[in-house]
PDB file of N, CA and C in Angstrom:
ATOM      1  N   MET A   1     -59.765  16.871   2.506  1.00  0.00           N
ATOM      2  CA  MET A   1     -59.273  18.034   3.219  1.00  0.00           C
ATOM      3  C   MET A   1     -58.363  17.565   4.350  1.00  0.00           C
ATOM      4  N   ALA A   2     -57.312  18.321   4.599  1.00  0.00           N
ATOM      5  CA  ALA A   2     -56.362  17.980   5.655  1.00  0.00           C
ATOM      6  C   ALA A   2     -57.001  18.152   7.028  1.00  0.00           C
ATOM      7  N   ASP A   3     -56.448  17.439   8.011  1.00  0.00           N
ATOM      8  CA  ASP A   3     -56.921  17.585   9.382  1.00  0.00           C
ATOM      9  C   ASP A   3     -56.682  19.016   9.857  1.00  0.00           C
ATOM     10  N   PRO A   4     -57.553  19.550  10.713  1.00  0.00           N
ATOM     11  CA  PRO A   4     -57.352  20.902  11.235  1.00  0.00           C
ATOM     12  C   PRO A   4     -56.052  20.979  12.036  1.00  0.00           C
ATOM     13  N   LEU A   5     -55.429  22.130  11.981  1.00  0.00           N
ATOM     14  CA  LEU A   5     -54.180  22.363  12.701  1.00  0.00           C
ATOM     15  C   LEU A   5     -54.492  22.883  14.095  1.00  0.00           C
ATOM     16  N   ASP A   6     -53.878  22.288  15.096  1.00  0.00           N
ATOM     17  CA  ASP A   6     -53.995  22.761  16.466  1.00  0.00           C
ATOM     18  C   ASP A   6     -52.588  23.118  16.905  1.00  0.00           C
ATOM     19  N   ALA A   7     -52.319  24.404  17.097  1.00  0.00           N
ATOM     20  CA  ALA A   7     -50.952  24.844  17.381  1.00  0.00           C
ATOM     21  C   ALA A   7     -50.961  25.967  18.401  1.00  0.00           C
ATOM     22  N   TYR A   8     -49.833  26.141  19.053  1.00  0.00           N
ATOM     23  CA  TYR A   8     -49.615  27.251  19.976  1.00  0.00           C
ATOM     24  C   TYR A   8     -48.616  28.195  19.336  1.00  0.00           C
ATOM     25  N   CYS A   9     -48.817  29.499  19.521  1.00  0.00           N
ATOM     26  CA  CYS A   9     -47.835  30.468  19.034  1.00  0.00           C
ATOM     27  C   CYS A   9     -47.599  31.518  20.112  1.00  0.00           C
ATOM     28  N   ASN A  10     -46.407  32.101  20.091  1.00  0.00           N
ATOM     29  CA  ASN A  10     -46.123  33.220  20.991  1.00  0.00           C
ATOM     30  C   ASN A  10     -45.495  34.382  20.227  1.00  0.00           C
ATOM     31  N   GLN A  11     -45.542  34.294  18.898  1.00  0.00           N
ATOM     32  CA  GLN A  11     -45.083  35.371  18.033  1.00  0.00           C
ATOM     33  C   GLN A  11     -45.957  35.373  16.784  1.00  0.00           C
ATOM     34  N   PHE A  12     -45.987  36.493  16.087  1.00  0.00           N
ATOM     35  CA  PHE A  12     -46.749  36.556  14.840  1.00  0.00           C
ATOM     36  C   PHE A  12     -46.150  37.596  13.919  1.00  0.00           C
ATOM     37  N   GLN A  13     -46.474  37.459  12.656  1.00  0.00           N
ATOM     38  CA  GLN A  13     -46.107  38.432  11.635  1.00  0.00           C
ATOM     39  C   GLN A  13     -47.356  38.704  10.810  1.00  0.00           C
ATOM     40  N   ILE A  14     -47.535  39.954  10.412  1.00  0.00           N
ATOM     41  CA  ILE A  14     -48.659  40.325   9.560  1.00  0.00           C
ATOM     42  C   ILE A  14     -48.092  40.976   8.306  1.00  0.00           C
ATOM     43  N   ASN A  15     -48.504  40.481   7.157  1.00  0.00           N
ATOM     44  CA  ASN A  15     -48.114  41.071   5.880  1.00  0.00           C
ATOM     45  C   ASN A  15     -49.380  41.385   5.114  1.00  0.00           C
ATOM     46  N   MET A  16     -49.430  42.582   4.508  1.00  0.00           N
ATOM     47  CA  MET A  16     -50.605  42.976   3.737  1.00  0.00           C
ATOM     48  C   MET A  16     -50.193  43.511   2.383  1.00  0.00           C
ATOM     49  N   SER A  17     -51.050  43.242   1.412  1.00  0.00           N
ATOM     50  CA  SER A  17     -50.898  43.826   0.082  1.00  0.00           C
ATOM     51  C   SER A  17     -52.209  44.540  -0.235  1.00  0.00           C
ATOM     52  N   ALA A  18     -52.324  45.065  -1.414  1.00  0.00           N
ATOM     53  CA  ALA A  18     -53.562  45.757  -1.792  1.00  0.00           C
ATOM     54  C   ALA A  18     -54.754  44.809  -1.863  1.00  0.00           C
ATOM     55  N   TYR A  19     -54.494  43.507  -1.952  1.00  0.00           N
ATOM     56  CA  TYR A  19     -55.582  42.543  -2.166  1.00  0.00           C
ATOM     57  C   TYR A  19     -55.849  41.595  -1.006  1.00  0.00           C
ATOM     58  N   ASP A  20     -54.818  41.286  -0.214  1.00  0.00           N
ATOM     59  CA  ASP A  20     -55.025  40.290   0.835  1.00  0.00           C
ATOM     60  C   ASP A  20     -54.011  40.446   1.949  1.00  0.00           C
ATOM     61  N   SER A  21     -54.114  39.549   2.924  1.00  0.00           N
ATOM     62  CA  SER A  21     -53.205  39.567   4.073  1.00  0.00           C
ATOM     63  C   SER A  21     -52.695  38.154   4.333  1.00  0.00           C
ATOM     64  N   THR A  22     -51.532  38.112   4.958  1.00  0.00           N
ATOM     65  CA  THR A  22     -50.942  36.840   5.372  1.00  0.00           C
ATOM     66  C   THR A  22     -50.559  36.968   6.837  1.00  0.00           C
ATOM     67  N   LEU A  23     -51.058  36.047   7.653  1.00  0.00           N
ATOM     68  CA  LEU A  23     -50.728  36.000   9.080  1.00  0.00           C
ATOM     69  C   LEU A  23     -49.849  34.779   9.299  1.00  0.00           C
ATOM     70  N   ASN A  24     -48.634  35.007   9.756  1.00  0.00           N
ATOM     71  CA  ASN A  24     -47.734  33.910  10.103  1.00  0.00           C
ATOM     72  C   ASN A  24     -47.695  33.801  11.615  1.00  0.00           C
ATOM     73  N   PHE A  25     -47.932  32.619  12.128  1.00  0.00           N
ATOM     74  CA  PHE A  25     -47.876  32.358  13.564  1.00  0.00           C
ATOM     75  C   PHE A  25     -46.621  31.544  13.831  1.00  0.00           C
ATOM     76  N   LEU A  26     -45.851  31.976  14.838  1.00  0.00           N
ATOM     77  CA  LEU A  26     -44.564  31.361  15.121  1.00  0.00           C
ATOM     78  C   LEU A  26     -44.457  31.007  16.592  1.00  0.00           C
ATOM     79  N   VAL A  27     -43.537  30.120  16.897  1.00  0.00           N
ATOM     80  CA  VAL A  27     -43.219  29.791  18.284  1.00  0.00           C
ATOM     81  C   VAL A  27     -41.713  29.957  18.453  1.00  0.00           C
ATOM     82  N   SER A  28     -41.329  30.593  19.541  1.00  0.00           N
ATOM     83  CA  SER A  28     -39.916  30.852  19.777  1.00  0.00           C
ATOM     84  C   SER A  28     -39.182  29.573  20.161  1.00  0.00           C
ATOM     85  N   ASN A  29     -37.899  29.575  19.897  1.00  0.00           N
ATOM     86  CA  ASN A  29     -37.043  28.445  20.234  1.00  0.00           C
ATOM     87  C   ASN A  29     -36.947  28.340  21.758  1.00  0.00           C
ATOM     88  N   PRO A  30     -37.084  27.147  22.319  1.00  0.00           N
ATOM     89  CA  PRO A  30     -37.012  27.021  23.784  1.00  0.00           C
ATOM     90  C   PRO A  30     -35.609  27.263  24.335  1.00  0.00           C
ATOM     91  N   ILE A  31     -34.607  27.223  23.483  1.00  0.00           N
ATOM     92  CA  ILE A  31     -33.229  27.474  23.924  1.00  0.00           C
ATOM     93  C   ILE A  31     -32.906  28.941  23.676  1.00  0.00           C
ATOM     94  N   PRO A  32     -32.557  29.688  24.718  1.00  0.00           N
ATOM     95  CA  PRO A  32     -32.262  31.114  24.529  1.00  0.00           C
ATOM     96  C   PRO A  32     -31.093  31.308  23.550  1.00  0.00           C
ATOM     97  N   PRO A  33     -31.167  32.371  22.742  1.00  0.00           N
ATOM     98  CA  PRO A  33     -30.073  32.630  21.809  1.00  0.00           C
ATOM     99  C   PRO A  33     -28.814  33.066  22.567  1.00  0.00           C
ATOM    100  N   THR A  34     -27.692  32.826  21.950  1.00  0.00           N
ATOM    101  CA  THR A  34     -26.447  33.297  22.560  1.00  0.00           C
ATOM    102  C   THR A  34     -26.428  34.818  22.467  1.00  0.00           C
ATOM    103  N   PRO A  35     -25.771  35.476  23.408  1.00  0.00           N
ATOM    104  CA  PRO A  35     -25.731  36.943  23.387  1.00  0.00           C
ATOM    105  C   PRO A  35     -25.223  37.466  22.043  1.00  0.00           C
ATOM    106  N   GLY A  36     -25.955  38.446  21.508  1.00  0.00           N
ATOM    107  CA  GLY A  36     -25.571  39.063  20.249  1.00  0.00           C
ATOM    108  C   GLY A  36     -26.144  38.392  19.014  1.00  0.00           C
ATOM    109  N   SER A  37     -26.766  37.208  19.168  1.00  0.00           N
ATOM    110  CA  SER A  37     -27.341  36.527  18.008  1.00  0.00           C
ATOM    111  C   SER A  37     -28.837  36.818  17.927  1.00  0.00           C
ATOM    112  N   THR A  38     -29.391  36.612  16.765  1.00  0.00           N
ATOM    113  CA  THR A  38     -30.811  36.854  16.533  1.00  0.00           C
ATOM    114  C   THR A  38     -31.635  35.673  17.037  1.00  0.00           C
ATOM    115  N   PRO A  39     -32.686  35.944  17.849  1.00  0.00           N
ATOM    116  CA  PRO A  39     -33.544  34.848  18.304  1.00  0.00           C
ATOM    117  C   PRO A  39     -34.218  34.173  17.104  1.00  0.00           C
ATOM    118  N   GLN A  40     -34.317  32.864  17.159  1.00  0.00           N
ATOM    119  CA  GLN A  40     -34.933  32.097  16.081  1.00  0.00           C
ATOM    120  C   GLN A  40     -36.342  31.681  16.487  1.00  0.00           C
ATOM    121  N   ALA A  41     -37.213  31.579  15.497  1.00  0.00           N
ATOM    122  CA  ALA A  41     -38.586  31.138  15.732  1.00  0.00           C
ATOM    123  C   ALA A  41     -38.984  30.196  14.612  1.00  0.00           C
ATOM    124  N   GLU A  42     -39.869  29.260  14.937  1.00  0.00           N
ATOM    125  CA  GLU A  42     -40.358  28.293  13.949  1.00  0.00           C
ATOM    126  C   GLU A  42     -41.781  28.667  13.555  1.00  0.00           C
ATOM    127  N   ARG A  43     -42.056  28.708  12.277  1.00  0.00           N
ATOM    128  CA  ARG A  43     -43.403  28.998  11.791  1.00  0.00           C
ATOM    129  C   ARG A  43     -44.266  27.761  12.014  1.00  0.00           C
ATOM    130  N   VAL A  44     -45.399  27.938  12.693  1.00  0.00           N
ATOM    131  CA  VAL A  44     -46.292  26.811  12.961  1.00  0.00           C
ATOM    132  C   VAL A  44     -47.539  26.847  12.088  1.00  0.00           C
ATOM    133  N   ALA A  45     -47.880  28.024  11.558  1.00  0.00           N
ATOM    134  CA  ALA A  45     -49.057  28.121  10.692  1.00  0.00           C
ATOM    135  C   ALA A  45     -49.019  29.418   9.903  1.00  0.00           C
ATOM    136  N   THR A  46     -49.586  29.369   8.720  1.00  0.00           N
ATOM    137  CA  THR A  46     -49.790  30.558   7.890  1.00  0.00           C
ATOM    138  C   THR A  46     -51.258  30.582   7.488  1.00  0.00           C
ATOM    139  N   ILE A  47     -51.892  31.725   7.722  1.00  0.00           N
ATOM    140  CA  ILE A  47     -53.292  31.906   7.367  1.00  0.00           C
ATOM    141  C   ILE A  47     -53.372  33.089   6.407  1.00  0.00           C
ATOM    142  N   ARG A  48     -53.988  32.873   5.280  1.00  0.00           N
ATOM    143  CA  ARG A  48     -54.174  33.935   4.294  1.00  0.00           C
ATOM    144  C   ARG A  48     -55.653  34.267   4.218  1.00  0.00           C
ATOM    145  N   MET A  49     -55.952  35.574   4.108  1.00  0.00           N
ATOM    146  CA  MET A  49     -57.343  35.998   4.002  1.00  0.00           C
ATOM    147  C   MET A  49     -57.417  37.361   3.335  1.00  0.00           C
ATOM    148  N   SER A  50     -58.624  37.692   2.871  1.00  0.00           N
ATOM    149  CA  SER A  50     -58.846  39.005   2.268  1.00  0.00           C
ATOM    150  C   SER A  50     -58.715  40.079   3.347  1.00  0.00           C
ATOM    151  N   LEU A  51     -58.481  41.304   2.905  1.00  0.00           N
ATOM    152  CA  LEU A  51     -58.411  42.418   3.853  1.00  0.00           C
ATOM    153  C   LEU A  51     -59.751  42.636   4.541  1.00  0.00           C
ATOM    154  N   GLU A  52     -60.850  42.394   3.825  1.00  0.00           N
ATOM    155  CA  GLU A  52     -62.179  42.530   4.422  1.00  0.00           C
ATOM    156  C   GLU A  52     -62.374  41.506   5.543  1.00  0.00           C
ATOM    157  N   HIS A  53     -61.943  40.284   5.296  1.00  0.00           N
ATOM    158  CA  HIS A  53     -62.049  39.232   6.304  1.00  0.00           C
ATOM    159  C   HIS A  53     -61.184  39.585   7.509  1.00  0.00           C
ATOM    160  N   LEU A  54     -59.975  40.070   7.267  1.00  0.00           N
ATOM    161  CA  LEU A  54     -59.072  40.468   8.357  1.00  0.00           C
ATOM    162  C   LEU A  54     -59.686  41.574   9.205  1.00  0.00           C
ATOM    163  N   LYS A  55     -60.323  42.548   8.551  1.00  0.00           N
ATOM    164  CA  LYS A  55     -60.916  43.664   9.291  1.00  0.00           C
ATOM    165  C   LYS A  55     -62.074  43.193  10.166  1.00  0.00           C
ATOM    166  N   VAL A  56     -62.912  42.307   9.638  1.00  0.00           N
ATOM    167  CA  VAL A  56     -64.014  41.749  10.434  1.00  0.00           C
ATOM    168  C   VAL A  56     -63.455  40.921  11.593  1.00  0.00           C
ATOM    169  N   LEU A  57     -62.423  40.114  11.327  1.00  0.00           N
ATOM    170  CA  LEU A  57     -61.802  39.314  12.372  1.00  0.00           C
ATOM    171  C   LEU A  57     -61.238  40.201  13.484  1.00  0.00           C
ATOM    172  N   ALA A  58     -60.557  41.292  13.105  1.00  0.00           N
ATOM    173  CA  ALA A  58     -59.996  42.211  14.107  1.00  0.00           C
ATOM    174  C   ALA A  58     -61.107  42.797  14.982  1.00  0.00           C
ATOM    175  N   PHE A  59     -62.212  43.186  14.362  1.00  0.00           N
ATOM    176  CA  PHE A  59     -63.339  43.735  15.111  1.00  0.00           C
ATOM    177  C   PHE A  59     -63.900  42.708  16.091  1.00  0.00           C
ATOM    178  N   LEU A  60     -64.132  41.481  15.603  1.00  0.00           N
ATOM    179  CA  LEU A  60     -64.710  40.441  16.455  1.00  0.00           C
ATOM    180  C   LEU A  60     -63.778  40.050  17.594  1.00  0.00           C
ATOM    181  N   LEU A  61     -62.480  39.984  17.329  1.00  0.00           N
ATOM    182  CA  LEU A  61     -61.520  39.683  18.399  1.00  0.00           C
ATOM    183  C   LEU A  61     -61.553  40.782  19.463  1.00  0.00           C
ATOM    184  N   HIS A  62     -61.567  42.032  19.034  1.00  0.00           N
ATOM    185  CA  HIS A  62     -61.624  43.156  19.971  1.00  0.00           C
ATOM    186  C   HIS A  62     -62.893  43.084  20.822  1.00  0.00           C
ATOM    187  N   ARG A  63     -64.030  42.853  20.165  1.00  0.00           N
ATOM    188  CA  ARG A  63     -65.297  42.799  20.894  1.00  0.00           C
ATOM    189  C   ARG A  63     -65.313  41.646  21.895  1.00  0.00           C
ATOM    190  N   GLN A  64     -64.859  40.462  21.483  1.00  0.00           N
ATOM    191  CA  GLN A  64     -64.889  39.307  22.393  1.00  0.00           C
ATOM    192  C   GLN A  64     -63.945  39.492  23.576  1.00  0.00           C
ATOM    193  N   LEU A  65     -62.750  40.029  23.334  1.00  0.00           N
ATOM    194  CA  LEU A  65     -61.825  40.263  24.441  1.00  0.00           C
ATOM    195  C   LEU A  65     -62.391  41.292  25.415  1.00  0.00           C
ATOM    196  N   SER A  66     -62.980  42.366  24.891  1.00  0.00           N
ATOM    197  CA  SER A  66     -63.580  43.381  25.762  1.00  0.00           C
ATOM    198  C   SER A  66     -64.715  42.793  26.590  1.00  0.00           C
ATOM    199  N   GLN A  67     -65.576  41.981  25.958  1.00  0.00           N
ATOM    200  CA  GLN A  67     -66.670  41.342  26.683  1.00  0.00           C
ATOM    201  C   GLN A  67     -66.142  40.384  27.745  1.00  0.00           C
ATOM    202  N   PHE A  68     -65.115  39.609  27.411  1.00  0.00           N
ATOM    203  CA  PHE A  68     -64.548  38.672  28.370  1.00  0.00           C
ATOM    204  C   PHE A  68     -64.006  39.416  29.588  1.00  0.00           C
ATOM    205  N   GLU A  69     -63.239  40.472  29.351  1.00  0.00           N
ATOM    206  CA  GLU A  69     -62.682  41.228  30.473  1.00  0.00           C
ATOM    207  C   GLU A  69     -63.794  41.808  31.346  1.00  0.00           C
ATOM    208  N   GLY A  70     -64.841  42.337  30.708  1.00  0.00           N
ATOM    209  CA  GLY A  70     -65.948  42.913  31.469  1.00  0.00           C
ATOM    210  C   GLY A  70     -66.704  41.872  32.273  1.00  0.00           C
ATOM    211  N   GLN A  71     -67.020  40.748  31.663  1.00  0.00           N
ATOM    212  CA  GLN A  71     -67.778  39.698  32.344  1.00  0.00           C
ATOM    213  C   GLN A  71     -66.970  39.020  33.439  1.00  0.00           C
ATOM    214  N   ALA A  72     -65.676  38.832  33.207  1.00  0.00           N
ATOM    215  CA  ALA A  72     -64.820  38.161  34.189  1.00  0.00           C
ATOM    216  C   ALA A  72     -64.303  39.128  35.249  1.00  0.00           C
ATOM    217  N   GLY A  73     -64.464  40.424  35.005  1.00  0.00           N
ATOM    218  CA  GLY A  73     -63.975  41.412  35.962  1.00  0.00           C
ATOM    219  C   GLY A  73     -62.453  41.438  36.036  1.00  0.00           C
ATOM    220  N   VAL A  74     -61.820  41.176  34.911  1.00  0.00           N
ATOM    221  CA  VAL A  74     -60.353  41.171  34.864  1.00  0.00           C
ATOM    222  C   VAL A  74     -59.878  42.091  33.747  1.00  0.00           C
ATOM    223  N   GLN A  75     -58.624  42.421  33.833  1.00  0.00           N
ATOM    224  CA  GLN A  75     -57.966  43.159  32.757  1.00  0.00           C
ATOM    225  C   GLN A  75     -56.734  42.348  32.375  1.00  0.00           C
ATOM    226  N   ILE A  76     -56.637  41.976  31.122  1.00  0.00           N
ATOM    227  CA  ILE A  76     -55.481  41.209  30.663  1.00  0.00           C
ATOM    228  C   ILE A  76     -54.318  42.184  30.516  1.00  0.00           C
ATOM    229  N   PRO A  77     -53.279  42.051  31.349  1.00  0.00           N
ATOM    230  CA  PRO A  77     -52.194  43.027  31.324  1.00  0.00           C
ATOM    231  C   PRO A  77     -51.234  42.805  30.154  1.00  0.00           C
ATOM    232  N   ILE A  78     -50.821  43.906  29.550  1.00  0.00           N
ATOM    233  CA  ILE A  78     -49.796  43.876  28.514  1.00  0.00           C
ATOM    234  C   ILE A  78     -48.657  44.755  29.023  1.00  0.00           C
ATOM    235  N   PRO A  79     -47.466  44.197  29.212  1.00  0.00           N
ATOM    236  CA  PRO A  79     -46.348  44.987  29.733  1.00  0.00           C
ATOM    237  C   PRO A  79     -45.959  46.132  28.795  1.00  0.00           C
ATOM    238  N   MET A  80     -45.532  47.242  29.368  1.00  0.00           N
ATOM    239  CA  MET A  80     -45.077  48.381  28.572  1.00  0.00           C
ATOM    240  C   MET A  80     -43.945  47.975  27.635  1.00  0.00           C
ATOM    241  N   GLU A  81     -43.123  47.003  28.046  1.00  0.00           N
ATOM    242  CA  GLU A  81     -42.025  46.557  27.190  1.00  0.00           C
ATOM    243  C   GLU A  81     -42.557  46.007  25.863  1.00  0.00           C
ATOM    244  N   VAL A  82     -43.712  45.336  25.911  1.00  0.00           N
ATOM    245  CA  VAL A  82     -44.313  44.790  24.690  1.00  0.00           C
ATOM    246  C   VAL A  82     -44.822  45.934  23.818  1.00  0.00           C
ATOM    247  N   LEU A  83     -45.539  46.882  24.423  1.00  0.00           N
ATOM    248  CA  LEU A  83     -46.029  48.025  23.652  1.00  0.00           C
ATOM    249  C   LEU A  83     -44.870  48.796  23.031  1.00  0.00           C
ATOM    250  N   ASN A  84     -43.827  49.006  23.804  1.00  0.00           N
ATOM    251  CA  ASN A  84     -42.658  49.726  23.282  1.00  0.00           C
ATOM    252  C   ASN A  84     -42.015  48.968  22.125  1.00  0.00           C
ATOM    253  N   ALA A  85     -41.882  47.657  22.252  1.00  0.00           N
ATOM    254  CA  ALA A  85     -41.265  46.853  21.197  1.00  0.00           C
ATOM    255  C   ALA A  85     -42.088  46.903  19.906  1.00  0.00           C
ATOM    256  N   LEU A  86     -43.402  47.021  20.046  1.00  0.00           N
ATOM    257  CA  LEU A  86     -44.286  47.088  18.884  1.00  0.00           C
ATOM    258  C   LEU A  86     -44.535  48.533  18.431  1.00  0.00           C
ATOM    259  N   ARG A  87     -43.903  49.481  19.108  1.00  0.00           N
ATOM    260  CA  ARG A  87     -44.050  50.914  18.833  1.00  0.00           C
ATOM    261  C   ARG A  87     -45.509  51.359  18.914  1.00  0.00           C
ATOM    262  N   ILE A  88     -46.170  50.912  19.986  1.00  0.00           N
ATOM    263  CA  ILE A  88     -47.553  51.305  20.258  1.00  0.00           C
ATOM    264  C   ILE A  88     -47.519  52.284  21.421  1.00  0.00           C
ATOM    265  N   GLY A  89     -47.936  53.514  21.179  1.00  0.00           N
ATOM    266  CA  GLY A  89     -47.979  54.521  22.239  1.00  0.00           C
ATOM    267  C   GLY A  89     -49.069  54.203  23.246  1.00  0.00           C
ATOM    268  N   LEU A  90     -48.827  54.540  24.494  1.00  0.00           N
ATOM    269  CA  LEU A  90     -49.796  54.262  25.555  1.00  0.00           C
ATOM    270  C   LEU A  90     -51.141  54.929  25.265  1.00  0.00           C
ATOM    271  N   GLU A  91     -51.110  56.156  24.725  1.00  0.00           N
ATOM    272  CA  GLU A  91     -52.353  56.853  24.410  1.00  0.00           C
ATOM    273  C   GLU A  91     -53.143  56.094  23.335  1.00  0.00           C
ATOM    274  N   ASP A  92     -52.437  55.598  22.322  1.00  0.00           N
ATOM    275  CA  ASP A  92     -53.098  54.826  21.270  1.00  0.00           C
ATOM    276  C   ASP A  92     -53.698  53.544  21.843  1.00  0.00           C
ATOM    277  N   TRP A  93     -52.940  52.871  22.722  1.00  0.00           N
ATOM    278  CA  TRP A  93     -53.399  51.625  23.330  1.00  0.00           C
ATOM    279  C   TRP A  93     -54.659  51.870  24.154  1.00  0.00           C
ATOM    280  N   GLN A  94     -54.607  52.883  25.002  1.00  0.00           N
ATOM    281  CA  GLN A  94     -55.748  53.174  25.868  1.00  0.00           C
ATOM    282  C   GLN A  94     -56.964  53.622  25.055  1.00  0.00           C
ATOM    283  N   SER A  95     -56.742  54.388  23.992  1.00  0.00           N
ATOM    284  CA  SER A  95     -57.836  54.823  23.141  1.00  0.00           C
ATOM    285  C   SER A  95     -58.500  53.635  22.443  1.00  0.00           C
ATOM    286  N   PHE A  96     -57.679  52.716  21.935  1.00  0.00           N
ATOM    287  CA  PHE A  96     -58.210  51.536  21.252  1.00  0.00           C
ATOM    288  C   PHE A  96     -59.071  50.707  22.193  1.00  0.00           C
ATOM    289  N   TRP A  97     -58.596  50.510  23.411  1.00  0.00           N
ATOM    290  CA  TRP A  97     -59.325  49.684  24.377  1.00  0.00           C
ATOM    291  C   TRP A  97     -60.283  50.509  25.220  1.00  0.00           C
ATOM    292  N   LYS A  98     -60.389  51.825  24.942  1.00  0.00           N
ATOM    293  CA  LYS A  98     -61.269  52.727  25.686  1.00  0.00           C
ATOM    294  C   LYS A  98     -61.023  52.636  27.185  1.00  0.00           C
ATOM    295  N   ARG A  99     -59.763  52.878  27.541  1.00  0.00           N
ATOM    296  CA  ARG A  99     -59.354  52.756  28.941  1.00  0.00           C
ATOM    297  C   ARG A  99     -58.996  54.123  29.513  1.00  0.00           C
ATOM    298  N   GLU A 100     -59.237  54.275  30.783  1.00  0.00           N
ATOM    299  CA  GLU A 100     -58.831  55.472  31.512  1.00  0.00           C
ATOM    300  C   GLU A 100     -57.327  55.410  31.739  1.00  0.00           C
ATOM    301  N   GLU A 101     -56.764  56.442  32.340  1.00  0.00           N
ATOM    302  CA  GLU A 101     -55.318  56.509  32.573  1.00  0.00           C
ATOM    303  C   GLU A 101     -54.832  55.331  33.411  1.00  0.00           C
ATOM    304  N   GLY A 102     -55.628  54.860  34.361  1.00  0.00           N
ATOM    305  CA  GLY A 102     -55.228  53.737  35.201  1.00  0.00           C
ATOM    306  C   GLY A 102     -55.290  52.404  34.503  1.00  0.00           C
ATOM    307  N   GLY A 103     -55.775  52.376  33.262  1.00  0.00           N
ATOM    308  CA  GLY A 103     -55.814  51.127  32.511  1.00  0.00           C
ATOM    309  C   GLY A 103     -57.120  50.369  32.612  1.00  0.00           C
ATOM    310  N   MET A 104     -58.038  50.837  33.446  1.00  0.00           N
ATOM    311  CA  MET A 104     -59.299  50.136  33.634  1.00  0.00           C
ATOM    312  C   MET A 104     -60.302  50.557  32.559  1.00  0.00           C
ATOM    313  N   PRO A 105     -61.205  49.653  32.170  1.00  0.00           N
ATOM    314  CA  PRO A 105     -62.231  50.002  31.179  1.00  0.00           C
ATOM    315  C   PRO A 105     -63.099  51.156  31.663  1.00  0.00           C
ATOM    316  N   ARG A 106     -63.554  51.982  30.734  1.00  0.00           N
ATOM    317  CA  ARG A 106     -64.432  53.109  31.085  1.00  0.00           C
ATOM    318  C   ARG A 106     -65.822  52.631  31.420  1.00  0.00           C
TER     319      ARG A 106
END
């Protein structure tokens, strides 16, 4: 078996079919793109899994992040620009994380 991969990513892609999912993890180029050109990213890892595995993973990630924020007394901020770029409405975001209007956990 190959050595485990240890990588950093700051971008991702999710692809799903009726049978499975593919998660591509990418890292952006350290050199800013020239104006008008498309930013380039390098793929550092691809993880494939069943949709059932993906759903369990999503649940566990949500639970662990919520517990971490509660225990540490912090809220990990996500800028509105990121939500807008991903087309995530503020109401949907707050509902998912069970947050009040001010962004704090209920």
